Structure formats: structure tokens, C-alpha cells
């Protein structure tokens, strides 16, 4: 019967604090929802929600509209809601987020769009 050698033997594990600190640190994944840095890594970008929808598709449409106006925008939904195809409730809610410095501009565009829709809807008796 042959013996199996594992790549990490108990004797190679660090035994004191100095050994632990000398191990290479894993790279951390970037935070993508609330804050992240610009590609240069010098500035922090804080994202804020400007709209909530029933499902991801309407959120993607709104994000596309804002992007068309030159505003960086993201549409997202909780991953469990996407997996199960939910469009209602907390897990089914679609979110549209923009960087904090674009919030006012994005809300103005969305408010103007809502006003335009109200004007084009026919009045029903």
C-alpha cells in the first residue's frame, strides 16, 4: 500500500506569530455595492439607490436610461431572488444605483420621466 503525500504537512505550518505574519496575504475582493475605488484606486466611489422596481428587468431599463444621459448606473437584485426568478418582495426588488455625486441629477431625470408619463396617459372617466 502506498502512502499519499499532501502538499501541506503539519511540520510546515507556522508555529509562532512571526511565521503567521510572513505568510502571503490573499488579495481581497473589491466591494461592489456600497463603495469601491476608481480604476486608479485613488478615489472611493459610494453608490446610492435612486430607484426600486419589481424585478431586475425594469431596473436595467432605468439604469440604461441614466447611462444614456452620461450617468454611471447599475441595476442589481439580490442573488437569491435572481436564482428563483422572484419579482416581488424584498428578494425580487430590482435596484438602480448611481455614484453619490450623480444622485441629484439621476433623480431629476427620473422625476422628469415620471412627469412625462403622467402627461401622456389618457384620462379615464
N, C-alpha and C. Protein backbone atom coordinates (compact mmCIF):
# COMPACT_ATOMS: atom_id res chain seq x y z
N UNK A 1 0.85 -1.18 0.00
CA UNK A 1 0.00 0.00 0.00
C UNK A 1 0.89 1.24 0.00
N UNK A 2 0.63 2.18 -0.91
CA UNK A 2 1.47 3.37 -1.00
C UNK A 2 0.91 4.47 -0.10
N UNK A 3 1.76 5.32 0.36
CA UNK A 3 1.32 6.43 1.20
C UNK A 3 1.08 7.66 0.32
N UNK A 4 0.11 8.45 0.72
CA UNK A 4 -0.22 9.67 -0.01
C UNK A 4 0.43 10.84 0.68
N UNK A 5 1.06 11.71 -0.09
CA UNK A 5 1.70 12.89 0.46
C UNK A 5 0.82 14.09 0.15
N UNK A 6 0.47 14.84 1.16
CA UNK A 6 -0.32 16.05 0.99
C UNK A 6 0.61 17.23 0.83
N UNK A 7 0.23 18.22 0.05
CA UNK A 7 1.12 19.35 -0.17
C UNK A 7 1.46 20.14 1.09
N UNK A 8 0.61 20.14 2.07
CA UNK A 8 0.87 20.92 3.29
C UNK A 8 0.98 19.95 4.45
N UNK A 9 2.19 19.76 4.92
CA UNK A 9 2.44 18.86 6.03
C UNK A 9 2.36 19.62 7.34
N UNK A 10 1.95 18.97 8.43
CA UNK A 10 1.85 19.65 9.72
C UNK A 10 3.14 20.34 10.13
N UNK A 11 4.31 19.78 9.75
CA UNK A 11 5.57 20.39 10.13
C UNK A 11 5.80 21.72 9.40
N UNK A 12 5.11 21.94 8.27
CA UNK A 12 5.33 23.16 7.50
C UNK A 12 4.39 24.29 7.92
N UNK A 13 3.48 24.03 8.85
CA UNK A 13 2.58 25.07 9.32
C UNK A 13 3.33 26.04 10.21
N UNK A 14 2.94 27.32 10.20
CA UNK A 14 3.63 28.28 11.07
C UNK A 14 3.40 27.94 12.54
N UNK A 15 4.44 28.16 13.34
CA UNK A 15 4.36 27.80 14.75
C UNK A 15 4.30 29.00 15.68
N UNK A 16 4.67 30.17 15.20
CA UNK A 16 4.61 31.34 16.07
C UNK A 16 4.10 32.53 15.28
N UNK A 17 3.92 33.67 15.96
CA UNK A 17 3.35 34.86 15.35
C UNK A 17 4.19 35.35 14.17
N UNK A 18 5.50 35.24 14.27
CA UNK A 18 6.36 35.73 13.20
C UNK A 18 6.11 34.94 11.92
N UNK A 19 5.95 33.62 12.03
CA UNK A 19 5.67 32.80 10.86
C UNK A 19 4.31 33.13 10.25
N UNK A 20 3.32 33.40 11.10
CA UNK A 20 1.99 33.73 10.62
C UNK A 20 2.03 35.02 9.83
N UNK A 21 2.75 36.04 10.33
CA UNK A 21 2.82 37.33 9.65
C UNK A 21 3.61 37.26 8.35
N UNK A 22 4.48 36.28 8.19
CA UNK A 22 5.30 36.20 6.99
C UNK A 22 4.58 35.49 5.84
N UNK A 23 3.43 34.86 6.12
CA UNK A 23 2.69 34.19 5.05
C UNK A 23 2.15 35.22 4.08
N UNK A 24 2.07 34.88 2.79
CA UNK A 24 1.48 35.83 1.83
C UNK A 24 0.00 36.05 2.13
N UNK A 25 -0.42 37.29 2.01
CA UNK A 25 -1.82 37.64 2.28
C UNK A 25 -2.64 37.46 1.01
N UNK A 26 -3.82 36.84 1.10
CA UNK A 26 -4.65 36.72 -0.09
C UNK A 26 -5.21 38.09 -0.48
N UNK A 27 -5.40 38.30 -1.77
CA UNK A 27 -5.98 39.55 -2.24
C UNK A 27 -7.45 39.57 -1.87
N UNK A 28 -7.91 40.71 -1.43
CA UNK A 28 -9.32 40.83 -1.07
C UNK A 28 -10.13 41.21 -2.29
N UNK A 29 -11.34 40.71 -2.35
CA UNK A 29 -12.23 41.03 -3.47
C UNK A 29 -12.73 42.46 -3.30
N UNK A 30 -12.89 43.19 -4.40
CA UNK A 30 -13.38 44.57 -4.29
C UNK A 30 -14.84 44.58 -3.86
N UNK A 31 -15.20 45.58 -3.09
CA UNK A 31 -16.59 45.76 -2.69
C UNK A 31 -17.32 46.40 -3.86
N UNK A 32 -18.45 45.82 -4.26
CA UNK A 32 -19.08 46.33 -5.47
C UNK A 32 -20.39 47.05 -5.24
N UNK A 33 -20.97 46.95 -4.10
CA UNK A 33 -22.28 47.59 -3.91
C UNK A 33 -22.17 48.99 -3.35
N UNK A 34 -21.74 49.11 -2.11
CA UNK A 34 -21.79 50.41 -1.46
C UNK A 34 -20.58 51.28 -1.80
N UNK A 35 -19.39 50.71 -1.72
CA UNK A 35 -18.21 51.52 -2.00
C UNK A 35 -17.23 50.71 -2.83
N UNK A 36 -16.46 51.40 -3.62
CA UNK A 36 -15.36 50.82 -4.35
C UNK A 36 -14.44 51.96 -4.75
N UNK A 37 -13.32 51.64 -5.34
CA UNK A 37 -12.42 52.70 -5.76
C UNK A 37 -12.44 52.83 -7.27
N UNK A 38 -11.98 53.96 -7.73
CA UNK A 38 -11.86 54.20 -9.17
C UNK A 38 -10.77 53.29 -9.72
N UNK A 39 -10.69 53.13 -11.04
CA UNK A 39 -9.66 52.25 -11.60
C UNK A 39 -8.24 52.61 -11.13
N UNK A 40 -7.98 53.87 -10.87
CA UNK A 40 -6.65 54.24 -10.38
C UNK A 40 -6.46 53.86 -8.91
N UNK A 41 -7.57 53.55 -8.23
CA UNK A 41 -7.50 53.16 -6.82
C UNK A 41 -7.34 54.31 -5.87
N UNK A 42 -7.46 55.54 -6.36
CA UNK A 42 -7.20 56.70 -5.52
C UNK A 42 -8.46 57.30 -4.90
N UNK A 43 -9.60 57.11 -5.52
CA UNK A 43 -10.82 57.73 -5.02
C UNK A 43 -11.84 56.64 -4.68
N UNK A 44 -12.57 56.86 -3.60
CA UNK A 44 -13.62 55.93 -3.21
C UNK A 44 -14.93 56.37 -3.85
N UNK A 45 -15.64 55.42 -4.44
CA UNK A 45 -16.94 55.70 -5.05
C UNK A 45 -18.01 55.11 -4.16
N UNK A 46 -18.95 55.94 -3.72
CA UNK A 46 -20.05 55.46 -2.90
C UNK A 46 -21.31 55.43 -3.75
N UNK A 47 -21.95 54.26 -3.84
CA UNK A 47 -23.14 54.08 -4.65
C UNK A 47 -24.37 54.22 -3.78
N UNK A 48 -25.40 54.88 -4.32
CA UNK A 48 -26.67 55.04 -3.61
C UNK A 48 -27.81 54.64 -4.53
N UNK A 49 -28.83 54.05 -3.92
CA UNK A 49 -30.02 53.65 -4.69
C UNK A 49 -30.85 54.87 -5.03
N UNK A 50 -31.29 54.94 -6.29
CA UNK A 50 -32.16 56.03 -6.72
C UNK A 50 -33.53 55.50 -7.17
N UNK A 51 -33.66 54.19 -7.34
CA UNK A 51 -34.94 53.62 -7.75
C UNK A 51 -35.03 52.16 -7.34
N UNK A 52 -36.26 51.73 -7.07
CA UNK A 52 -36.55 50.33 -6.81
C UNK A 52 -37.68 49.91 -7.73
N UNK A 53 -37.57 48.70 -8.27
CA UNK A 53 -38.57 48.21 -9.22
C UNK A 53 -39.00 46.80 -8.85
N UNK A 54 -40.03 46.34 -9.52
CA UNK A 54 -40.46 44.95 -9.34
C UNK A 54 -39.67 44.09 -10.32
N UNK A 55 -38.58 43.53 -9.87
CA UNK A 55 -37.75 42.68 -10.71
C UNK A 55 -36.56 43.42 -11.28
N UNK A 56 -35.66 42.65 -11.89
CA UNK A 56 -34.41 43.20 -12.41
C UNK A 56 -34.58 43.89 -13.75
N UNK A 57 -35.44 43.39 -14.62
CA UNK A 57 -35.56 43.95 -15.96
C UNK A 57 -35.93 45.44 -15.97
N UNK A 58 -36.96 45.87 -15.22
CA UNK A 58 -37.24 47.32 -15.20
C UNK A 58 -36.07 48.14 -14.63
N UNK A 59 -35.34 47.58 -13.68
CA UNK A 59 -34.18 48.28 -13.12
C UNK A 59 -33.10 48.44 -14.18
N UNK A 60 -32.93 47.42 -15.02
CA UNK A 60 -31.94 47.50 -16.09
C UNK A 60 -32.34 48.56 -17.12
N UNK A 61 -33.62 48.67 -17.39
CA UNK A 61 -34.10 49.69 -18.33
C UNK A 61 -33.83 51.09 -17.78
N UNK A 62 -34.12 51.29 -16.50
CA UNK A 62 -33.88 52.59 -15.87
C UNK A 62 -32.39 52.91 -15.85
N UNK A 63 -31.57 51.92 -15.50
CA UNK A 63 -30.12 52.13 -15.48
C UNK A 63 -29.62 52.49 -16.88
N UNK A 64 -30.17 51.85 -17.91
CA UNK A 64 -29.79 52.17 -19.28
C UNK A 64 -30.17 53.59 -19.66
N UNK A 65 -31.31 54.03 -19.20
CA UNK A 65 -31.75 55.41 -19.47
C UNK A 65 -30.80 56.41 -18.83
N UNK A 66 -30.39 56.14 -17.58
CA UNK A 66 -29.46 57.04 -16.89
C UNK A 66 -28.08 57.01 -17.56
N UNK A 67 -27.64 55.83 -17.98
CA UNK A 67 -26.35 55.72 -18.67
C UNK A 67 -26.38 56.49 -19.98
N UNK A 68 -27.53 56.49 -20.66
CA UNK A 68 -27.68 57.24 -21.90
C UNK A 68 -27.50 58.74 -21.66
N UNK A 69 -27.79 59.19 -20.46
CA UNK A 69 -27.62 60.60 -20.09
C UNK A 69 -26.22 60.88 -19.55
N UNK A 70 -25.35 59.87 -19.56
CA UNK A 70 -23.98 60.06 -19.10
C UNK A 70 -23.77 59.82 -17.61
N UNK A 71 -24.75 59.21 -16.95
CA UNK A 71 -24.64 58.93 -15.52
C UNK A 71 -24.25 57.46 -15.34
N UNK A 72 -23.17 57.19 -14.62
CA UNK A 72 -22.84 55.79 -14.34
C UNK A 72 -23.95 55.19 -13.48
N UNK A 73 -24.52 54.09 -13.92
CA UNK A 73 -25.64 53.48 -13.18
C UNK A 73 -25.51 51.97 -13.24
N UNK A 74 -26.00 51.33 -12.20
CA UNK A 74 -26.00 49.87 -12.10
C UNK A 74 -27.39 49.39 -11.71
N UNK A 75 -27.77 48.29 -12.30
CA UNK A 75 -29.01 47.62 -11.90
C UNK A 75 -28.61 46.33 -11.20
N UNK A 76 -29.26 46.03 -10.08
CA UNK A 76 -28.94 44.80 -9.37
C UNK A 76 -30.14 44.30 -8.59
N UNK A 77 -30.08 43.04 -8.26
CA UNK A 77 -31.11 42.38 -7.47
C UNK A 77 -30.41 41.38 -6.58
N UNK A 78 -30.97 41.11 -5.43
CA UNK A 78 -30.40 40.10 -4.55
C UNK A 78 -30.25 38.79 -5.32
N UNK A 79 -29.12 38.13 -5.16
CA UNK A 79 -28.82 36.95 -5.97
C UNK A 79 -29.83 35.82 -5.77
N UNK A 80 -30.33 35.65 -4.56
CA UNK A 80 -31.31 34.59 -4.32
C UNK A 80 -32.60 34.85 -5.09
N UNK A 81 -32.98 36.11 -5.21
CA UNK A 81 -34.16 36.46 -5.98
C UNK A 81 -33.97 36.17 -7.46
N UNK A 82 -32.76 36.41 -7.97
CA UNK A 82 -32.47 36.12 -9.37
C UNK A 82 -32.54 34.62 -9.62
N UNK A 83 -31.94 33.84 -8.72
CA UNK A 83 -31.91 32.38 -8.88
C UNK A 83 -33.32 31.81 -8.93
N UNK A 84 -34.20 32.33 -8.09
CA UNK A 84 -35.57 31.80 -8.01
C UNK A 84 -36.55 32.54 -8.91
N UNK A 85 -36.09 33.54 -9.64
CA UNK A 85 -36.95 34.26 -10.56
C UNK A 85 -38.00 35.12 -9.87
N UNK A 86 -37.70 35.62 -8.69
CA UNK A 86 -38.65 36.44 -7.95
C UNK A 86 -38.72 37.85 -8.51
N UNK A 87 -39.92 38.41 -8.54
CA UNK A 87 -40.09 39.80 -8.99
C UNK A 87 -40.83 40.65 -7.96
N UNK A 88 -41.23 40.05 -6.86
CA UNK A 88 -41.90 40.80 -5.79
C UNK A 88 -41.23 40.48 -4.46
N UNK A 89 -41.47 41.33 -3.51
CA UNK A 89 -40.90 41.13 -2.18
C UNK A 89 -39.46 41.60 -2.11
N UNK A 90 -38.87 41.52 -0.94
CA UNK A 90 -37.51 42.03 -0.75
C UNK A 90 -36.48 41.36 -1.67
N UNK A 91 -36.62 40.06 -1.93
CA UNK A 91 -35.64 39.38 -2.78
C UNK A 91 -35.91 39.62 -4.26
N UNK A 92 -37.11 40.05 -4.61
CA UNK A 92 -37.44 40.29 -6.00
C UNK A 92 -37.28 41.73 -6.44
N UNK A 93 -36.95 42.59 -5.51
CA UNK A 93 -36.84 44.01 -5.82
C UNK A 93 -35.58 44.28 -6.65
N UNK A 94 -35.75 45.01 -7.74
CA UNK A 94 -34.62 45.46 -8.54
C UNK A 94 -34.19 46.82 -8.02
N UNK A 95 -32.91 47.07 -8.02
CA UNK A 95 -32.37 48.33 -7.51
C UNK A 95 -31.56 49.01 -8.60
N UNK A 96 -31.63 50.33 -8.64
CA UNK A 96 -30.81 51.14 -9.54
C UNK A 96 -29.94 52.01 -8.65
N UNK A 97 -28.62 51.89 -8.83
CA UNK A 97 -27.68 52.65 -8.01
C UNK A 97 -26.80 53.52 -8.89
N UNK A 98 -26.47 54.70 -8.37
CA UNK A 98 -25.56 55.63 -9.04
C UNK A 98 -24.56 56.13 -8.02
N UNK A 99 -23.39 56.61 -8.47
CA UNK A 99 -22.44 57.22 -7.52
C UNK A 99 -23.08 58.42 -6.83
N UNK A 100 -22.70 58.63 -5.59
CA UNK A 100 -23.31 59.67 -4.76
C UNK A 100 -23.34 61.04 -5.45
N UNK A 101 -22.29 61.40 -6.19
CA UNK A 101 -22.26 62.73 -6.81
C UNK A 101 -23.24 62.88 -7.97
N UNK A 102 -23.86 61.78 -8.42
CA UNK A 102 -24.84 61.83 -9.51
C UNK A 102 -26.28 61.65 -9.04
N UNK A 103 -26.49 61.53 -7.74
CA UNK A 103 -27.83 61.23 -7.21
C UNK A 103 -28.85 62.30 -7.61
N UNK A 104 -28.53 63.56 -7.39
CA UNK A 104 -29.50 64.63 -7.70
C UNK A 104 -29.84 64.66 -9.18
N UNK A 105 -28.83 64.55 -10.02
CA UNK A 105 -29.05 64.56 -11.46
C UNK A 105 -29.90 63.37 -11.89
N UNK A 106 -29.62 62.20 -11.33
CA UNK A 106 -30.39 61.00 -11.67
C UNK A 106 -31.85 61.14 -11.23
N UNK A 107 -32.08 61.67 -10.04
CA UNK A 107 -33.45 61.84 -9.55
C UNK A 107 -34.22 62.85 -10.39
N UNK A 108 -33.53 63.91 -10.85
CA UNK A 108 -34.19 64.88 -11.72
C UNK A 108 -34.64 64.22 -13.03
N UNK A 109 -33.78 63.40 -13.60
CA UNK A 109 -34.12 62.70 -14.85
C UNK A 109 -35.29 61.75 -14.62
N UNK A 110 -35.24 61.01 -13.53
CA UNK A 110 -36.31 60.05 -13.26
C UNK A 110 -37.63 60.77 -12.97
N UNK A 111 -37.57 61.89 -12.25
CA UNK A 111 -38.79 62.67 -11.97
C UNK A 111 -39.37 63.23 -13.26
N UNK A 112 -38.50 63.72 -14.15
CA UNK A 112 -38.96 64.26 -15.43
C UNK A 112 -39.61 63.16 -16.27
N UNK A 113 -39.04 61.98 -16.25
CA UNK A 113 -39.61 60.84 -16.98
C UNK A 113 -40.99 60.50 -16.41
N UNK A 114 -41.12 60.50 -15.09
CA UNK A 114 -42.41 60.19 -14.46
C UNK A 114 -43.45 61.24 -14.83
N UNK A 115 -43.04 62.53 -14.84
CA UNK A 115 -43.96 63.60 -15.23
C UNK A 115 -44.40 63.45 -16.67
N UNK A 116 -43.46 63.10 -17.57
CA UNK A 116 -43.81 62.88 -18.98
C UNK A 116 -44.80 61.74 -19.14
N UNK A 117 -44.62 60.70 -18.37
CA UNK A 117 -45.55 59.56 -18.45
C UNK A 117 -46.93 59.96 -17.96
N UNK A 118 -46.99 60.76 -16.89
CA UNK A 118 -48.28 61.20 -16.37
C UNK A 118 -49.03 62.05 -17.39
N UNK A 119 -48.31 62.87 -18.15
CA UNK A 119 -48.94 63.73 -19.14
C UNK A 119 -49.45 62.97 -20.35
N UNK A 120 -48.82 61.86 -20.68
CA UNK A 120 -49.21 61.12 -21.89
C UNK A 120 -50.30 60.10 -21.64
N UNK A 121 -50.56 59.77 -20.38
CA UNK A 121 -51.63 58.81 -20.08
C UNK A 121 -53.00 59.46 -20.28
N UNK A 122 -53.90 58.77 -20.98
CA UNK A 122 -55.24 59.36 -21.17
C UNK A 122 -56.03 59.36 -19.86
N UNK A 123 -56.87 60.36 -19.72
CA UNK A 123 -57.73 60.43 -18.55
C UNK A 123 -58.94 59.52 -18.79
N UNK A 124 -59.24 58.69 -17.81
CA UNK A 124 -60.38 57.80 -17.92
C UNK A 124 -61.50 58.34 -17.02
N UNK A 125 -62.72 58.35 -17.54
CA UNK A 125 -63.84 58.86 -16.71
C UNK A 125 -64.17 57.97 -15.55
